[in-house]
Amino acid sequence: MKKIINTIHSPAPIGPYSQAVAVNGFLFVSGQIPADPETGTIVTTGIRDEARQVMENLKAILIETGITFDNIVKTTIFLTDMQSFAQVNEIYGSYFNAHFPARETVQVAALPKNVNVEISVIATLS
């Protein structure tokens, strides 16, 4: 049975989707953008700050389900400019310990709200 996950500590969805869905021992987290969950304001102070806000939004959803970044098995990073990869990768990497998840990073033409980075994850619930 699937369970819808929502927390006020991560931005509310901006469309017909859930922040995350738990099903069959997995958590599927929708792509997070650098929106401040308290104000809804998009972080625009640089790609490092954007990446950090995205990771904090993901962290809030993981905490809501009682898990950590160690439970993540797969991530997808969307960037509007692959030149930002090294900076985003540095921030992203700082949230993980030695066991990194599988990942792909793709450049896209545009992202919601004209942000520069969006990250989605799949995690185990145990």
C-alpha atoms as a PDB file:
ATOM      1  CA  MET A   1       0.000   0.000   0.000  1.00  0.00           C
ATOM      2  CA  LYS A   2       1.387   3.385  -0.862  1.00  0.00           C
ATOM      3  CA  LYS A   3       1.685   6.209   1.627  1.00  0.00           C
ATOM      4  CA  ILE A   4       1.869   9.869   0.646  1.00  0.00           C
ATOM      5  CA  ILE A   5       4.613  11.822   2.439  1.00  0.00           C
ATOM      6  CA  ASN A   6       4.346  15.572   2.998  1.00  0.00           C
ATOM      7  CA  THR A   7       6.151  17.858   5.415  1.00  0.00           C
ATOM      8  CA  ILE A   8       5.964  21.582   6.056  1.00  0.00           C
ATOM      9  CA  HIS A   9       9.774  21.544   6.274  1.00  0.00           C
ATOM     10  CA  SER A  10      10.102  21.120   2.520  1.00  0.00           C
ATOM     11  CA  PRO A  11       8.398  23.248  -0.149  1.00  0.00           C
ATOM     12  CA  ALA A  12       4.810  22.395  -0.965  1.00  0.00           C
ATOM     13  CA  PRO A  13       4.285  20.838  -4.396  1.00  0.00           C
ATOM     14  CA  ILE A  14       3.647  23.351  -7.171  1.00  0.00           C
ATOM     15  CA  GLY A  15       1.505  20.935  -9.167  1.00  0.00           C
ATOM     16  CA  PRO A  16      -0.498  17.710  -8.952  1.00  0.00           C
ATOM     17  CA  TYR A  17       2.136  15.556  -7.254  1.00  0.00           C
ATOM     18  CA  SER A  18       3.295  14.588  -3.758  1.00  0.00           C
ATOM     19  CA  GLN A  19       6.607  15.469  -2.109  1.00  0.00           C
ATOM     20  CA  ALA A  20       7.240  11.742  -1.800  1.00  0.00           C
ATOM     21  CA  VAL A  21       5.527   8.381  -1.959  1.00  0.00           C
ATOM     22  CA  ALA A  22       6.467   5.368   0.178  1.00  0.00           C
ATOM     23  CA  VAL A  23       5.641   1.955  -1.275  1.00  0.00           C
ATOM     24  CA  ASN A  24       7.016  -1.587  -0.968  1.00  0.00           C
ATOM     25  CA  GLY A  25       9.955  -0.572   1.227  1.00  0.00           C
ATOM     26  CA  PHE A  26      11.037   2.332  -0.984  1.00  0.00           C
ATOM     27  CA  LEU A  27      10.649   6.086  -0.855  1.00  0.00           C
ATOM     28  CA  PHE A  28      10.302   7.929  -4.166  1.00  0.00           C
ATOM     29  CA  VAL A  29      11.016  11.633  -3.644  1.00  0.00           C
ATOM     30  CA  SER A  30       9.854  14.124  -6.245  1.00  0.00           C
ATOM     31  CA  GLY A  31      12.391  16.512  -7.698  1.00  0.00           C
ATOM     32  CA  GLN A  32      13.230  19.258  -5.241  1.00  0.00           C
ATOM     33  CA  ILE A  33      14.119  22.769  -6.327  1.00  0.00           C
ATOM     34  CA  PRO A  34      15.833  25.521  -4.295  1.00  0.00           C
ATOM     35  CA  ALA A  35      12.669  26.944  -2.746  1.00  0.00           C
ATOM     36  CA  ASP A  36      12.659  28.059   0.876  1.00  0.00           C
ATOM     37  CA  PRO A  37       9.897  25.979   2.551  1.00  0.00           C
ATOM     38  CA  GLU A  38       8.915  28.784   4.924  1.00  0.00           C
ATOM     39  CA  THR A  39       8.506  31.551   2.365  1.00  0.00           C
ATOM     40  CA  GLY A  40       8.288  29.758  -0.973  1.00  0.00           C
ATOM     41  CA  THR A  41      10.993  32.117  -2.229  1.00  0.00           C
ATOM     42  CA  ILE A  42      13.452  30.684  -4.723  1.00  0.00           C
ATOM     43  CA  VAL A  43      17.094  30.859  -3.627  1.00  0.00           C
ATOM     44  CA  THR A  44      18.965  32.905  -6.252  1.00  0.00           C
ATOM     45  CA  THR A  45      22.240  33.693  -4.484  1.00  0.00           C
ATOM     46  CA  GLY A  46      24.372  31.308  -6.520  1.00  0.00           C
ATOM     47  CA  ILE A  47      24.500  27.687  -7.573  1.00  0.00           C
ATOM     48  CA  ARG A  48      26.108  26.500  -4.309  1.00  0.00           C
ATOM     49  CA  ASP A  49      23.300  28.072  -2.262  1.00  0.00           C
ATOM     50  CA  GLU A  50      20.730  26.629  -4.648  1.00  0.00           C
ATOM     51  CA  ALA A  51      22.223  23.139  -4.347  1.00  0.00           C
ATOM     52  CA  ARG A  52      22.385  23.427  -0.563  1.00  0.00           C
ATOM     53  CA  GLN A  53      18.694  24.425  -0.368  1.00  0.00           C
ATOM     54  CA  VAL A  54      17.736  21.501  -2.602  1.00  0.00           C
ATOM     55  CA  MET A  55      19.659  19.108  -0.360  1.00  0.00           C
ATOM     56  CA  GLU A  56      18.062  20.593   2.767  1.00  0.00           C
ATOM     57  CA  ASN A  57      14.622  20.147   1.188  1.00  0.00           C
ATOM     58  CA  LEU A  58      15.450  16.508   0.462  1.00  0.00           C
ATOM     59  CA  LYS A  59      16.775  16.090   4.006  1.00  0.00           C
ATOM     60  CA  ALA A  60      13.478  17.344   5.470  1.00  0.00           C
ATOM     61  CA  ILE A  61      11.530  14.734   3.518  1.00  0.00           C
ATOM     62  CA  LEU A  62      13.923  11.973   4.575  1.00  0.00           C
ATOM     63  CA  ILE A  63      13.623  13.040   8.224  1.00  0.00           C
ATOM     64  CA  GLU A  64       9.826  13.015   7.926  1.00  0.00           C
ATOM     65  CA  THR A  65      10.020   9.318   7.014  1.00  0.00           C
ATOM     66  CA  GLY A  66      12.628   8.511   9.674  1.00  0.00           C
ATOM     67  CA  ILE A  67      15.543   7.850   7.322  1.00  0.00           C
ATOM     68  CA  THR A  68      18.764   9.585   6.289  1.00  0.00           C
ATOM     69  CA  PHE A  69      20.897  10.172   3.198  1.00  0.00           C
ATOM     70  CA  ASP A  70      22.450   6.752   3.904  1.00  0.00           C
ATOM     71  CA  ASN A  71      19.152   5.191   2.744  1.00  0.00           C
ATOM     72  CA  ILE A  72      19.304   6.793  -0.703  1.00  0.00           C
ATOM     73  CA  VAL A  73      20.035   4.280  -3.450  1.00  0.00           C
ATOM     74  CA  LYS A  74      19.531   6.461  -6.551  1.00  0.00           C
ATOM     75  CA  THR A  75      19.566  10.156  -7.382  1.00  0.00           C
ATOM     76  CA  THR A  76      18.932  12.188 -10.489  1.00  0.00           C
ATOM     77  CA  ILE A  77      20.387  15.678 -10.786  1.00  0.00           C
ATOM     78  CA  PHE A  78      19.012  18.073 -13.376  1.00  0.00           C
ATOM     79  CA  LEU A  79      21.137  21.118 -14.251  1.00  0.00           C
ATOM     80  CA  THR A  80      20.435  23.944 -16.671  1.00  0.00           C
ATOM     81  CA  ASP A  81      24.183  24.398 -17.180  1.00  0.00           C
ATOM     82  CA  MET A  82      26.658  21.526 -16.953  1.00  0.00           C
ATOM     83  CA  GLN A  83      29.343  24.107 -16.129  1.00  0.00           C
ATOM     84  CA  SER A  84      27.765  24.123 -12.635  1.00  0.00           C
ATOM     85  CA  PHE A  85      28.432  20.408 -12.173  1.00  0.00           C
ATOM     86  CA  ALA A  86      31.563  20.703 -10.004  1.00  0.00           C
ATOM     87  CA  GLN A  87      29.970  23.184  -7.598  1.00  0.00           C
ATOM     88  CA  VAL A  88      26.747  21.200  -7.276  1.00  0.00           C
ATOM     89  CA  ASN A  89      28.702  17.958  -6.926  1.00  0.00           C
ATOM     90  CA  GLU A  90      30.723  19.420  -4.041  1.00  0.00           C
ATOM     91  CA  ILE A  91      27.595  20.418  -2.099  1.00  0.00           C
ATOM     92  CA  TYR A  92      25.782  17.184  -2.995  1.00  0.00           C
ATOM     93  CA  GLY A  93      28.742  15.041  -1.895  1.00  0.00           C
ATOM     94  CA  SER A  94      28.950  16.747   1.497  1.00  0.00           C
ATOM     95  CA  TYR A  95      25.566  15.247   2.466  1.00  0.00           C
ATOM     96  CA  PHE A  96      26.709  11.639   2.047  1.00  0.00           C
ATOM     97  CA  ASN A  97      29.060   9.343   3.921  1.00  0.00           C
ATOM     98  CA  ALA A  98      31.252   6.717   2.268  1.00  0.00           C
ATOM     99  CA  HIS A  99      28.464   4.765   0.547  1.00  0.00           C
ATOM    100  CA  PHE A 100      27.267   6.942  -2.322  1.00  0.00           C
ATOM    101  CA  PRO A 101      24.069   6.148  -4.235  1.00  0.00           C
ATOM    102  CA  ALA A 102      23.863   5.459  -7.951  1.00  0.00           C
ATOM    103  CA  ARG A 103      23.331   8.697  -9.875  1.00  0.00           C
ATOM    104  CA  GLU A 104      22.918  10.398 -13.184  1.00  0.00           C
ATOM    105  CA  THR A 105      23.306  14.074 -13.940  1.00  0.00           C
ATOM    106  CA  VAL A 106      21.687  15.584 -16.996  1.00  0.00           C
ATOM    107  CA  GLN A 107      21.594  19.044 -18.517  1.00  0.00           C
ATOM    108  CA  VAL A 108      18.114  20.293 -19.355  1.00  0.00           C
ATOM    109  CA  ALA A 109      16.861  23.330 -21.265  1.00  0.00           C
ATOM    110  CA  ALA A 110      14.819  24.665 -18.334  1.00  0.00           C
ATOM    111  CA  LEU A 111      13.476  23.775 -14.899  1.00  0.00           C
ATOM    112  CA  PRO A 112      10.378  24.873 -12.952  1.00  0.00           C
ATOM    113  CA  LYS A 113      10.452  28.439 -11.624  1.00  0.00           C
ATOM    114  CA  ASN A 114      13.591  29.035 -13.766  1.00  0.00           C
ATOM    115  CA  VAL A 115      15.852  27.396 -11.179  1.00  0.00           C
ATOM    116  CA  ASN A 116      19.264  26.007 -12.093  1.00  0.00           C
ATOM    117  CA  VAL A 117      19.165  22.681 -10.229  1.00  0.00           C
ATOM    118  CA  GLU A 118      16.608  20.029  -9.297  1.00  0.00           C
ATOM    119  CA  ILE A 119      17.293  16.681  -7.599  1.00  0.00           C
ATOM    120  CA  SER A 120      15.077  13.641  -7.119  1.00  0.00           C
ATOM    121  CA  VAL A 121      15.895  10.532  -5.095  1.00  0.00           C
ATOM    122  CA  ILE A 122      14.872   6.952  -4.434  1.00  0.00           C
ATOM    123  CA  ALA A 123      15.612   5.546  -0.965  1.00  0.00           C
ATOM    124  CA  THR A 124      15.029   2.380   1.033  1.00  0.00           C
ATOM    125  CA  LEU A 125      12.850   2.638   4.113  1.00  0.00           C
ATOM    126  CA  SER A 126      14.912   0.167   6.154  1.00  0.00           C
END
